[in-house]
Amino acid sequence: MTKLSGYLRLTRPINCLMMGFAVIVGAALAGPNTLSTLWQNLAYGFVTGFMLTAASMAIIDYYDRETNAVNEPNRPIPSGLIKPKEALAFSLVSTVIGFASCFIGIFLGC
């Protein structure tokens, strides 16, 4: 396995996609006109939800690395594919991207 696949598995992309789509569904339920008029904000919302979920998945794996070494030894950190410090750095970068997407969506006022 490559390092890139390790980072992908670390994010648990299905969870991230579900959160991104949950943002869009929430916006649609709040105002049905939102989908057609504010699609750029929805895109920023999707990226925000996706990246913050990815960050939380990485930080969870960081703190659960000892438990995962016993129960889930094939996960990226216990298997040695991703080092714990790399997972923390990835979480930080994902958080910054998520917050940047949020602030861009807010301040551009699309």
PDB file of N, CA and C in Angstrom:
ATOM      1  N   MET A   1       0.831  -1.187   0.000  1.00  0.00           N
ATOM      2  CA  MET A   1       0.000   0.000   0.000  1.00  0.00           C
ATOM      3  C   MET A   1       0.869   1.243   0.000  1.00  0.00           C
ATOM      4  N   THR A   2       0.354   2.261  -0.612  1.00  0.00           N
ATOM      5  CA  THR A   2       1.106   3.507  -0.675  1.00  0.00           C
ATOM      6  C   THR A   2       0.669   4.452   0.431  1.00  0.00           C
ATOM      7  N   LYS A   3       1.463   5.450   0.661  1.00  0.00           N
ATOM      8  CA  LYS A   3       1.166   6.463   1.672  1.00  0.00           C
ATOM      9  C   LYS A   3      -0.144   7.175   1.337  1.00  0.00           C
ATOM     10  N   LEU A   4      -0.373   7.447   0.053  1.00  0.00           N
ATOM     11  CA  LEU A   4      -1.604   8.124  -0.365  1.00  0.00           C
ATOM     12  C   LEU A   4      -2.841   7.303  -0.008  1.00  0.00           C
ATOM     13  N   SER A   5      -2.784   6.001  -0.223  1.00  0.00           N
ATOM     14  CA  SER A   5      -3.923   5.158   0.139  1.00  0.00           C
ATOM     15  C   SER A   5      -4.094   5.119   1.658  1.00  0.00           C
ATOM     16  N   GLY A   6      -3.004   5.235   2.392  1.00  0.00           N
ATOM     17  CA  GLY A   6      -3.085   5.297   3.847  1.00  0.00           C
ATOM     18  C   GLY A   6      -3.807   6.551   4.322  1.00  0.00           C
ATOM     19  N   TYR A   7      -3.481   7.684   3.703  1.00  0.00           N
ATOM     20  CA  TYR A   7      -4.176   8.925   4.060  1.00  0.00           C
ATOM     21  C   TYR A   7      -5.649   8.851   3.668  1.00  0.00           C
ATOM     22  N   LEU A   8      -5.929   8.246   2.540  1.00  0.00           N
ATOM     23  CA  LEU A   8      -7.319   8.097   2.103  1.00  0.00           C
ATOM     24  C   LEU A   8      -8.094   7.235   3.098  1.00  0.00           C
ATOM     25  N   ARG A   9      -7.506   6.113   3.517  1.00  0.00           N
ATOM     26  CA  ARG A   9      -8.164   5.250   4.510  1.00  0.00           C
ATOM     27  C   ARG A   9      -8.304   5.947   5.856  1.00  0.00           C
ATOM     28  N   LEU A  10      -7.334   6.812   6.187  1.00  0.00           N
ATOM     29  CA  LEU A  10      -7.371   7.555   7.448  1.00  0.00           C
ATOM     30  C   LEU A  10      -8.584   8.485   7.499  1.00  0.00           C
ATOM     31  N   THR A  11      -8.974   9.040   6.370  1.00  0.00           N
ATOM     32  CA  THR A  11     -10.093   9.990   6.343  1.00  0.00           C
ATOM     33  C   THR A  11     -11.447   9.308   6.426  1.00  0.00           C
ATOM     34  N   ARG A  12     -11.505   8.018   6.099  1.00  0.00           N
ATOM     35  CA  ARG A  12     -12.780   7.301   5.990  1.00  0.00           C
ATOM     36  C   ARG A  12     -13.709   8.077   5.054  1.00  0.00           C
ATOM     37  N   PRO A  13     -13.407   8.036   3.756  1.00  0.00           N
ATOM     38  CA  PRO A  13     -14.083   8.902   2.777  1.00  0.00           C
ATOM     39  C   PRO A  13     -15.607   8.757   2.734  1.00  0.00           C
ATOM     40  N   ILE A  14     -16.139   7.600   3.046  1.00  0.00           N
ATOM     41  CA  ILE A  14     -17.601   7.436   3.055  1.00  0.00           C
ATOM     42  C   ILE A  14     -18.218   8.351   4.121  1.00  0.00           C
ATOM     43  N   ASN A  15     -17.603   8.396   5.305  1.00  0.00           N
ATOM     44  CA  ASN A  15     -18.098   9.281   6.363  1.00  0.00           C
ATOM     45  C   ASN A  15     -18.014  10.744   5.928  1.00  0.00           C
ATOM     46  N   CYS A  16     -16.912  11.101   5.274  1.00  0.00           N
ATOM     47  CA  CYS A  16     -16.726  12.484   4.825  1.00  0.00           C
ATOM     48  C   CYS A  16     -17.762  12.864   3.770  1.00  0.00           C
ATOM     49  N   LEU A  17     -18.004  11.961   2.825  1.00  0.00           N
ATOM     50  CA  LEU A  17     -19.022  12.221   1.803  1.00  0.00           C
ATOM     51  C   LEU A  17     -20.402  12.375   2.429  1.00  0.00           C
ATOM     52  N   MET A  18     -20.709  11.514   3.396  1.00  0.00           N
ATOM     53  CA  MET A  18     -22.014  11.599   4.056  1.00  0.00           C
ATOM     54  C   MET A  18     -22.176  12.942   4.760  1.00  0.00           C
ATOM     55  N   MET A  19     -21.132  13.445   5.387  1.00  0.00           N
ATOM     56  CA  MET A  19     -21.220  14.730   6.064  1.00  0.00           C
ATOM     57  C   MET A  19     -21.372  15.869   5.060  1.00  0.00           C
ATOM     58  N   GLY A  20     -20.627  15.806   3.968  1.00  0.00           N
ATOM     59  CA  GLY A  20     -20.763  16.831   2.932  1.00  0.00           C
ATOM     60  C   GLY A  20     -22.172  16.867   2.363  1.00  0.00           C
ATOM     61  N   PHE A  21     -22.727  15.695   2.090  1.00  0.00           N
ATOM     62  CA  PHE A  21     -24.093  15.642   1.573  1.00  0.00           C
ATOM     63  C   PHE A  21     -25.108  16.054   2.639  1.00  0.00           C
ATOM     64  N   ALA A  22     -24.819  15.797   3.904  1.00  0.00           N
ATOM     65  CA  ALA A  22     -25.711  16.223   4.982  1.00  0.00           C
ATOM     66  C   ALA A  22     -25.826  17.740   5.022  1.00  0.00           C
ATOM     67  N   VAL A  23     -24.750  18.442   4.714  1.00  0.00           N
ATOM     68  CA  VAL A  23     -24.789  19.904   4.643  1.00  0.00           C
ATOM     69  C   VAL A  23     -25.756  20.337   3.539  1.00  0.00           C
ATOM     70  N   ILE A  24     -25.662  19.690   2.384  1.00  0.00           N
ATOM     71  CA  ILE A  24     -26.538  20.045   1.269  1.00  0.00           C
ATOM     72  C   ILE A  24     -27.994  19.709   1.589  1.00  0.00           C
ATOM     73  N   VAL A  25     -28.235  18.553   2.176  1.00  0.00           N
ATOM     74  CA  VAL A  25     -29.602  18.165   2.543  1.00  0.00           C
ATOM     75  C   VAL A  25     -30.166  19.136   3.577  1.00  0.00           C
ATOM     76  N   GLY A  26     -29.364  19.506   4.558  1.00  0.00           N
ATOM     77  CA  GLY A  26     -29.805  20.472   5.567  1.00  0.00           C
ATOM     78  C   GLY A  26     -30.176  21.809   4.948  1.00  0.00           C
ATOM     79  N   ALA A  27     -29.375  22.256   3.996  1.00  0.00           N
ATOM     80  CA  ALA A  27     -29.682  23.516   3.309  1.00  0.00           C
ATOM     81  C   ALA A  27     -30.956  23.392   2.494  1.00  0.00           C
ATOM     82  N   ALA A  28     -31.160  22.253   1.854  1.00  0.00           N
ATOM     83  CA  ALA A  28     -32.368  22.040   1.055  1.00  0.00           C
ATOM     84  C   ALA A  28     -33.610  22.023   1.936  1.00  0.00           C
ATOM     85  N   LEU A  29     -33.495  21.430   3.113  1.00  0.00           N
ATOM     86  CA  LEU A  29     -34.631  21.395   4.030  1.00  0.00           C
ATOM     87  C   LEU A  29     -34.917  22.773   4.625  1.00  0.00           C
ATOM     88  N   ALA A  30     -33.858  23.549   4.839  1.00  0.00           N
ATOM     89  CA  ALA A  30     -34.036  24.890   5.412  1.00  0.00           C
ATOM     90  C   ALA A  30     -34.680  25.846   4.421  1.00  0.00           C
ATOM     91  N   GLY A  31     -34.337  25.716   3.166  1.00  0.00           N
ATOM     92  CA  GLY A  31     -34.903  26.592   2.140  1.00  0.00           C
ATOM     93  C   GLY A  31     -34.782  25.948   0.782  1.00  0.00           C
ATOM     94  N   PRO A  32     -35.875  25.462   0.230  1.00  0.00           N
ATOM     95  CA  PRO A  32     -35.807  24.750  -1.053  1.00  0.00           C
ATOM     96  C   PRO A  32     -35.182  25.560  -2.194  1.00  0.00           C
ATOM     97  N   ASN A  33     -35.260  26.876  -2.135  1.00  0.00           N
ATOM     98  CA  ASN A  33     -34.668  27.705  -3.186  1.00  0.00           C
ATOM     99  C   ASN A  33     -33.148  27.753  -3.099  1.00  0.00           C
ATOM    100  N   THR A  34     -32.602  27.304  -1.985  1.00  0.00           N
ATOM    101  CA  THR A  34     -31.162  27.356  -1.751  1.00  0.00           C
ATOM    102  C   THR A  34     -30.374  26.582  -2.803  1.00  0.00           C
ATOM    103  N   LEU A  35     -30.898  25.454  -3.223  1.00  0.00           N
ATOM    104  CA  LEU A  35     -30.147  24.601  -4.142  1.00  0.00           C
ATOM    105  C   LEU A  35     -29.871  25.279  -5.474  1.00  0.00           C
ATOM    106  N   SER A  36     -30.783  26.094  -5.946  1.00  0.00           N
ATOM    107  CA  SER A  36     -30.579  26.711  -7.260  1.00  0.00           C
ATOM    108  C   SER A  36     -29.898  28.065  -7.171  1.00  0.00           C
ATOM    109  N   THR A  37     -30.095  28.796  -6.068  1.00  0.00           N
ATOM    110  CA  THR A  37     -29.553  30.154  -6.008  1.00  0.00           C
ATOM    111  C   THR A  37     -28.205  30.259  -5.310  1.00  0.00           C
ATOM    112  N   LEU A  38     -27.938  29.396  -4.366  1.00  0.00           N
ATOM    113  CA  LEU A  38     -26.702  29.508  -3.586  1.00  0.00           C
ATOM    114  C   LEU A  38     -25.804  28.288  -3.753  1.00  0.00           C
ATOM    115  N   TRP A  39     -25.663  27.813  -4.971  1.00  0.00           N
ATOM    116  CA  TRP A  39     -24.904  26.591  -5.198  1.00  0.00           C
ATOM    117  C   TRP A  39     -23.434  26.748  -4.813  1.00  0.00           C
ATOM    118  N   GLN A  40     -22.882  27.961  -4.936  1.00  0.00           N
ATOM    119  CA  GLN A  40     -21.483  28.145  -4.545  1.00  0.00           C
ATOM    120  C   GLN A  40     -21.314  27.983  -3.032  1.00  0.00           C
ATOM    121  N   ASN A  41     -22.247  28.537  -2.274  1.00  0.00           N
ATOM    122  CA  ASN A  41     -22.184  28.356  -0.821  1.00  0.00           C
ATOM    123  C   ASN A  41     -22.338  26.889  -0.449  1.00  0.00           C
ATOM    124  N   LEU A  42     -23.187  26.180  -1.184  1.00  0.00           N
ATOM    125  CA  LEU A  42     -23.349  24.747  -0.923  1.00  0.00           C
ATOM    126  C   LEU A  42     -22.050  23.996  -1.195  1.00  0.00           C
ATOM    127  N   ALA A  43     -21.332  24.398  -2.229  1.00  0.00           N
ATOM    128  CA  ALA A  43     -20.045  23.761  -2.534  1.00  0.00           C
ATOM    129  C   ALA A  43     -19.042  24.018  -1.406  1.00  0.00           C
ATOM    130  N   TYR A  44     -18.994  25.262  -0.928  1.00  0.00           N
ATOM    131  CA  TYR A  44     -18.109  25.569   0.206  1.00  0.00           C
ATOM    132  C   TYR A  44     -18.541  24.797   1.446  1.00  0.00           C
ATOM    133  N   GLY A  45     -19.849  24.688   1.661  1.00  0.00           N
ATOM    134  CA  GLY A  45     -20.361  23.928   2.799  1.00  0.00           C
ATOM    135  C   GLY A  45     -19.996  22.460   2.703  1.00  0.00           C
ATOM    136  N   PHE A  46     -20.099  21.907   1.493  1.00  0.00           N
ATOM    137  CA  PHE A  46     -19.729  20.503   1.288  1.00  0.00           C
ATOM    138  C   PHE A  46     -18.258  20.295   1.621  1.00  0.00           C
ATOM    139  N   VAL A  47     -17.391  21.159   1.093  1.00  0.00           N
ATOM    140  CA  VAL A  47     -15.949  21.025   1.350  1.00  0.00           C
ATOM    141  C   VAL A  47     -15.653  21.194   2.839  1.00  0.00           C
ATOM    142  N   THR A  48     -16.331  22.143   3.482  1.00  0.00           N
ATOM    143  CA  THR A  48     -16.129  22.354   4.915  1.00  0.00           C
ATOM    144  C   THR A  48     -16.492  21.104   5.701  1.00  0.00           C
ATOM    145  N   GLY A  49     -17.677  20.558   5.453  1.00  0.00           N
ATOM    146  CA  GLY A  49     -18.094  19.346   6.149  1.00  0.00           C
ATOM    147  C   GLY A  49     -17.175  18.175   5.874  1.00  0.00           C
ATOM    148  N   PHE A  50     -16.782  18.019   4.616  1.00  0.00           N
ATOM    149  CA  PHE A  50     -15.912  16.922   4.213  1.00  0.00           C
ATOM    150  C   PHE A  50     -14.561  17.009   4.927  1.00  0.00           C
ATOM    151  N   MET A  51     -13.924  18.176   4.865  1.00  0.00           N
ATOM    152  CA  MET A  51     -12.568  18.305   5.412  1.00  0.00           C
ATOM    153  C   MET A  51     -12.542  18.260   6.947  1.00  0.00           C
ATOM    154  N   LEU A  52     -13.546  18.840   7.590  1.00  0.00           N
ATOM    155  CA  LEU A  52     -13.565  18.776   9.053  1.00  0.00           C
ATOM    156  C   LEU A  52     -13.854  17.369   9.547  1.00  0.00           C
ATOM    157  N   THR A  53     -14.642  16.629   8.796  1.00  0.00           N
ATOM    158  CA  THR A  53     -14.853  15.223   9.145  1.00  0.00           C
ATOM    159  C   THR A  53     -13.569  14.424   8.945  1.00  0.00           C
ATOM    160  N   ALA A  54     -12.860  14.691   7.850  1.00  0.00           N
ATOM    161  CA  ALA A  54     -11.577  14.020   7.607  1.00  0.00           C
ATOM    162  C   ALA A  54     -10.600  14.307   8.745  1.00  0.00           C
ATOM    163  N   ALA A  55     -10.574  15.561   9.197  1.00  0.00           N
ATOM    164  CA  ALA A  55      -9.690  15.927  10.308  1.00  0.00           C
ATOM    165  C   ALA A  55     -10.066  15.173  11.579  1.00  0.00           C
ATOM    166  N   SER A  56     -11.362  15.068  11.841  1.00  0.00           N
ATOM    167  CA  SER A  56     -11.781  14.375  13.064  1.00  0.00           C
ATOM    168  C   SER A  56     -11.485  12.879  12.987  1.00  0.00           C
ATOM    169  N   MET A  57     -11.616  12.281  11.813  1.00  0.00           N
ATOM    170  CA  MET A  57     -11.302  10.857  11.666  1.00  0.00           C
ATOM    171  C   MET A  57      -9.810  10.613  11.921  1.00  0.00           C
ATOM    172  N   ALA A  58      -8.967  11.513  11.430  1.00  0.00           N
ATOM    173  CA  ALA A  58      -7.519  11.360  11.633  1.00  0.00           C
ATOM    174  C   ALA A  58      -7.153  11.522  13.107  1.00  0.00           C
ATOM    175  N   ILE A  59      -7.771  12.487  13.770  1.00  0.00           N
ATOM    176  CA  ILE A  59      -7.442  12.711  15.178  1.00  0.00           C
ATOM    177  C   ILE A  59      -7.959  11.569  16.047  1.00  0.00           C
ATOM    178  N   ILE A  60      -9.100  11.003  15.679  1.00  0.00           N
ATOM    179  CA  ILE A  60      -9.619   9.844  16.404  1.00  0.00           C
ATOM    180  C   ILE A  60      -8.646   8.672  16.284  1.00  0.00           C
ATOM    181  N   ASP A  61      -8.161   8.426  15.063  1.00  0.00           N
ATOM    182  CA  ASP A  61      -7.200   7.332  14.885  1.00  0.00           C
ATOM    183  C   ASP A  61      -5.897   7.605  15.630  1.00  0.00           C
ATOM    184  N   TYR A  62      -5.501   8.869  15.729  1.00  0.00           N
ATOM    185  CA  TYR A  62      -4.288   9.214  16.473  1.00  0.00           C
ATOM    186  C   TYR A  62      -4.452   8.833  17.949  1.00  0.00           C
ATOM    187  N   TYR A  63      -5.552   9.243  18.557  1.00  0.00           N
ATOM    188  CA  TYR A  63      -5.748   8.973  19.982  1.00  0.00           C
ATOM    189  C   TYR A  63      -6.087   7.516  20.270  1.00  0.00           C
ATOM    190  N   ASP A  64      -6.644   6.817  19.301  1.00  0.00           N
ATOM    191  CA  ASP A  64      -6.996   5.405  19.500  1.00  0.00           C
ATOM    192  C   ASP A  64      -5.942   4.447  18.946  1.00  0.00           C
ATOM    193  N   ARG A  65      -4.747   4.930  18.696  1.00  0.00           N
ATOM    194  CA  ARG A  65      -3.751   4.091  18.023  1.00  0.00           C
ATOM    195  C   ARG A  65      -3.370   2.852  18.828  1.00  0.00           C
ATOM    196  N   GLU A  66      -3.341   2.952  20.151  1.00  0.00           N
ATOM    197  CA  GLU A  66      -2.985   1.781  20.962  1.00  0.00           C
ATOM    198  C   GLU A  66      -4.110   0.748  20.957  1.00  0.00           C
ATOM    199  N   THR A  67      -5.348   1.211  21.044  1.00  0.00           N
ATOM    200  CA  THR A  67      -6.493   0.305  20.987  1.00  0.00           C
ATOM    201  C   THR A  67      -6.592  -0.318  19.600  1.00  0.00           C
ATOM    202  N   ASN A  68      -6.383   0.498  18.579  1.00  0.00           N
ATOM    203  CA  ASN A  68      -6.449  -0.005  17.202  1.00  0.00           C
ATOM    204  C   ASN A  68      -5.337  -1.000  16.900  1.00  0.00           C
ATOM    205  N   ALA A  69      -4.214  -0.875  17.599  1.00  0.00           N
ATOM    206  CA  ALA A  69      -3.123  -1.833  17.386  1.00  0.00           C
ATOM    207  C   ALA A  69      -3.568  -3.246  17.746  1.00  0.00           C
ATOM    208  N   VAL A  70      -4.492  -3.358  18.692  1.00  0.00           N
ATOM    209  CA  VAL A  70      -5.016  -4.666  19.102  1.00  0.00           C
ATOM    210  C   VAL A  70      -6.244  -5.040  18.277  1.00  0.00           C
ATOM    211  N   ASN A  71      -7.194  -4.106  18.179  1.00  0.00           N
ATOM    212  CA  ASN A  71      -8.494  -4.408  17.565  1.00  0.00           C
ATOM    213  C   ASN A  71      -8.539  -4.221  16.051  1.00  0.00           C
ATOM    214  N   GLU A  72      -7.797  -3.263  15.530  1.00  0.00           N
ATOM    215  CA  GLU A  72      -7.798  -2.947  14.092  1.00  0.00           C
ATOM    216  C   GLU A  72      -6.361  -2.755  13.600  1.00  0.00           C
ATOM    217  N   PRO A  73      -5.542  -3.803  13.623  1.00  0.00           N
ATOM    218  CA  PRO A  73      -4.121  -3.636  13.286  1.00  0.00           C
ATOM    219  C   PRO A  73      -3.855  -3.241  11.830  1.00  0.00           C
ATOM    220  N   ASN A  74      -4.849  -3.344  10.966  1.00  0.00           N
ATOM    221  CA  ASN A  74      -4.642  -2.983   9.562  1.00  0.00           C
ATOM    222  C   ASN A  74      -4.920  -1.517   9.272  1.00  0.00           C
ATOM    223  N   ARG A  75      -5.350  -0.765  10.256  1.00  0.00           N
ATOM    224  CA  ARG A  75      -5.568   0.670  10.044  1.00  0.00           C
ATOM    225  C   ARG A  75      -4.223   1.333   9.773  1.00  0.00           C
ATOM    226  N   PRO A  76      -4.243   2.520   9.147  1.00  0.00           N
ATOM    227  CA  PRO A  76      -2.974   3.134   8.700  1.00  0.00           C
ATOM    228  C   PRO A  76      -1.947   3.393   9.796  1.00  0.00           C
ATOM    229  N   ILE A  77      -2.360   3.845  10.970  1.00  0.00           N
ATOM    230  CA  ILE A  77      -1.371   4.151  12.013  1.00  0.00           C
ATOM    231  C   ILE A  77      -0.810   2.881  12.653  1.00  0.00           C
ATOM    232  N   PRO A  78      -1.648   1.943  13.122  1.00  0.00           N
ATOM    233  CA  PRO A  78      -1.071   0.732  13.732  1.00  0.00           C
ATOM    234  C   PRO A  78      -0.255  -0.115  12.758  1.00  0.00           C
ATOM    235  N   SER A  79      -0.619  -0.069  11.481  1.00  0.00           N
ATOM    236  CA  SER A  79       0.120  -0.871  10.503  1.00  0.00           C
ATOM    237  C   SER A  79       1.474  -0.248  10.146  1.00  0.00           C
ATOM    238  N   GLY A  80       1.689   1.003  10.553  1.00  0.00           N
ATOM    239  CA  GLY A  80       2.952   1.676  10.266  1.00  0.00           C
ATOM    240  C   GLY A  80       2.967   2.417   8.947  1.00  0.00           C
ATOM    241  N   LEU A  81       1.862   2.386   8.228  1.00  0.00           N
ATOM    242  CA  LEU A  81       1.779   3.086   6.945  1.00  0.00           C
ATOM    243  C   LEU A  81       1.825   4.601   7.140  1.00  0.00           C
ATOM    244  N   ILE A  82       1.144   5.074   8.171  1.00  0.00           N
ATOM    245  CA  ILE A  82       1.138   6.497   8.533  1.00  0.00           C
ATOM    246  C   ILE A  82       1.670   6.612   9.949  1.00  0.00           C
ATOM    247  N   LYS A  83       2.622   7.505  10.151  1.00  0.00           N
ATOM    248  CA  LYS A  83       3.163   7.729  11.501  1.00  0.00           C
ATOM    249  C   LYS A  83       2.191   8.614  12.283  1.00  0.00           C
ATOM    250  N   PRO A  84       2.164   8.480  13.603  1.00  0.00           N
ATOM    251  CA  PRO A  84       1.254   9.295  14.408  1.00  0.00           C
ATOM    252  C   PRO A  84       1.407  10.803  14.174  1.00  0.00           C
ATOM    253  N   LYS A  85       2.639  11.278  14.061  1.00  0.00           N
ATOM    254  CA  LYS A  85       2.852  12.711  13.816  1.00  0.00           C
ATOM    255  C   LYS A  85       2.335  13.126  12.442  1.00  0.00           C
ATOM    256  N   GLU A  86       2.421  12.231  11.469  1.00  0.00           N
ATOM    257  CA  GLU A  86       1.878  12.527  10.143  1.00  0.00           C
ATOM    258  C   GLU A  86       0.356  12.622  10.197  1.00  0.00           C
ATOM    259  N   ALA A  87      -0.265  11.784  11.011  1.00  0.00           N
ATOM    260  CA  ALA A  87      -1.719  11.844  11.171  1.00  0.00           C
ATOM    261  C   ALA A  87      -2.131  13.166  11.821  1.00  0.00           C
ATOM    262  N   LEU A  88      -1.359  13.614  12.810  1.00  0.00           N
ATOM    263  CA  LEU A  88      -1.648  14.907  13.440  1.00  0.00           C
ATOM    264  C   LEU A  88      -1.484  16.049  12.442  1.00  0.00           C
ATOM    265  N   ALA A  89      -0.419  16.001  11.654  1.00  0.00           N
ATOM    266  CA  ALA A  89      -0.196  17.040  10.648  1.00  0.00           C
ATOM    267  C   ALA A  89      -1.317  17.032   9.610  1.00  0.00           C
ATOM    268  N   PHE A  90      -1.723  15.843   9.199  1.00  0.00           N
ATOM    269  CA  PHE A  90      -2.820  15.722   8.238  1.00  0.00           C
ATOM    270  C   PHE A  90      -4.106  16.304   8.819  1.00  0.00           C
ATOM    271  N   SER A  91      -4.349  16.033  10.096  1.00  0.00           N
ATOM    272  CA  SER A  91      -5.535  16.566  10.756  1.00  0.00           C
ATOM    273  C   SER A  91      -5.495  18.091  10.802  1.00  0.00           C
ATOM    274  N   LEU A  92      -4.339  18.650  11.090  1.00  0.00           N
ATOM    275  CA  LEU A  92      -4.190  20.098  11.126  1.00  0.00           C
ATOM    276  C   LEU A  92      -4.435  20.712   9.751  1.00  0.00           C
ATOM    277  N   VAL A  93      -3.844  20.132   8.728  1.00  0.00           N
ATOM    278  CA  VAL A  93      -4.024  20.648   7.366  1.00  0.00           C
ATOM    279  C   VAL A  93      -5.491  20.539   6.941  1.00  0.00           C
ATOM    280  N   SER A  94      -6.126  19.425   7.255  1.00  0.00           N
ATOM    281  CA  SER A  94      -7.541  19.242   6.911  1.00  0.00           C
ATOM    282  C   SER A  94      -8.415  20.262   7.635  1.00  0.00           C
ATOM    283  N   THR A  95      -8.091  20.549   8.887  1.00  0.00           N
ATOM    284  CA  THR A  95      -8.840  21.542   9.650  1.00  0.00           C
ATOM    285  C   THR A  95      -8.686  22.926   9.032  1.00  0.00           C
ATOM    286  N   VAL A  96      -7.469  23.285   8.664  1.00  0.00           N
ATOM    287  CA  VAL A  96      -7.223  24.594   8.051  1.00  0.00           C
ATOM    288  C   VAL A  96      -7.989  24.714   6.729  1.00  0.00           C
ATOM    289  N   ILE A  97      -7.969  23.670   5.917  1.00  0.00           N
ATOM    290  CA  ILE A  97      -8.705  23.700   4.649  1.00  0.00           C
ATOM    291  C   ILE A  97     -10.206  23.826   4.912  1.00  0.00           C
ATOM    292  N   GLY A  98     -10.717  23.079   5.886  1.00  0.00           N
ATOM    293  CA  GLY A  98     -12.143  23.153   6.223  1.00  0.00           C
ATOM    294  C   GLY A  98     -12.551  24.542   6.696  1.00  0.00           C
ATOM    295  N   PHE A  99     -11.767  25.126   7.593  1.00  0.00           N
ATOM    296  CA  PHE A  99     -12.092  26.472   8.081  1.00  0.00           C
ATOM    297  C   PHE A  99     -11.930  27.513   6.974  1.00  0.00           C
ATOM    298  N   ALA A 100     -10.915  27.350   6.137  1.00  0.00           N
ATOM    299  CA  ALA A 100     -10.725  28.288   5.023  1.00  0.00           C
ATOM    300  C   ALA A 100     -11.922  28.248   4.080  1.00  0.00           C
ATOM    301  N   SER A 101     -12.412  27.055   3.792  1.00  0.00           N
ATOM    302  CA  SER A 101     -13.585  26.925   2.934  1.00  0.00           C
ATOM    303  C   SER A 101     -14.796  27.598   3.572  1.00  0.00           C
ATOM    304  N   CYS A 102     -14.947  27.433   4.860  1.00  0.00           N
ATOM    305  CA  CYS A 102     -16.053  28.062   5.580  1.00  0.00           C
ATOM    306  C   CYS A 102     -15.960  29.584   5.495  1.00  0.00           C
ATOM    307  N   PHE A 103     -14.794  30.130   5.804  1.00  0.00           N
ATOM    308  CA  PHE A 103     -14.634  31.575   5.807  1.00  0.00           C
ATOM    309  C   PHE A 103     -14.741  32.174   4.411  1.00  0.00           C
ATOM    310  N   ILE A 104     -14.236  31.464   3.417  1.00  0.00           N
ATOM    311  CA  ILE A 104     -14.368  31.957   2.047  1.00  0.00           C
ATOM    312  C   ILE A 104     -15.852  32.036   1.669  1.00  0.00           C
ATOM    313  N   GLY A 105     -16.604  30.996   2.003  1.00  0.00           N
ATOM    314  CA  GLY A 105     -18.039  30.997   1.716  1.00  0.00           C
ATOM    315  C   GLY A 105     -18.765  32.115   2.434  1.00  0.00           C
ATOM    316  N   ILE A 106     -18.377  32.398   3.669  1.00  0.00           N
ATOM    317  CA  ILE A 106     -19.034  33.451   4.445  1.00  0.00           C
ATOM    318  C   ILE A 106     -18.655  34.837   3.926  1.00  0.00           C
ATOM    319  N   PHE A 107     -17.356  35.073   3.747  1.00  0.00           N
ATOM    320  CA  PHE A 107     -16.903  36.420   3.423  1.00  0.00           C
ATOM    321  C   PHE A 107     -17.089  36.794   1.961  1.00  0.00           C
ATOM    322  N   LEU A 108     -17.129  35.840   1.084  1.00  0.00           N
ATOM    323  CA  LEU A 108     -17.407  36.184  -0.308  1.00  0.00           C
ATOM    324  C   LEU A 108     -18.891  36.458  -0.506  1.00  0.00           C
ATOM    325  N   GLY A 109     -19.698  35.923   0.380  1.00  0.00           N
ATOM    326  CA  GLY A 109     -21.134  36.171   0.318  1.00  0.00           C
ATOM    327  C   GLY A 109     -21.743  35.796  -1.020  1.00  0.00           C
ATOM    328  N   CYS A 110     -21.353  34.639  -1.503  1.00  0.00           N
ATOM    329  CA  CYS A 110     -21.802  34.197  -2.820  1.00  0.00           C
ATOM    330  C   CYS A 110     -23.296  34.310  -2.991  1.00  0.00           C
TER     331      CYS A 110
END
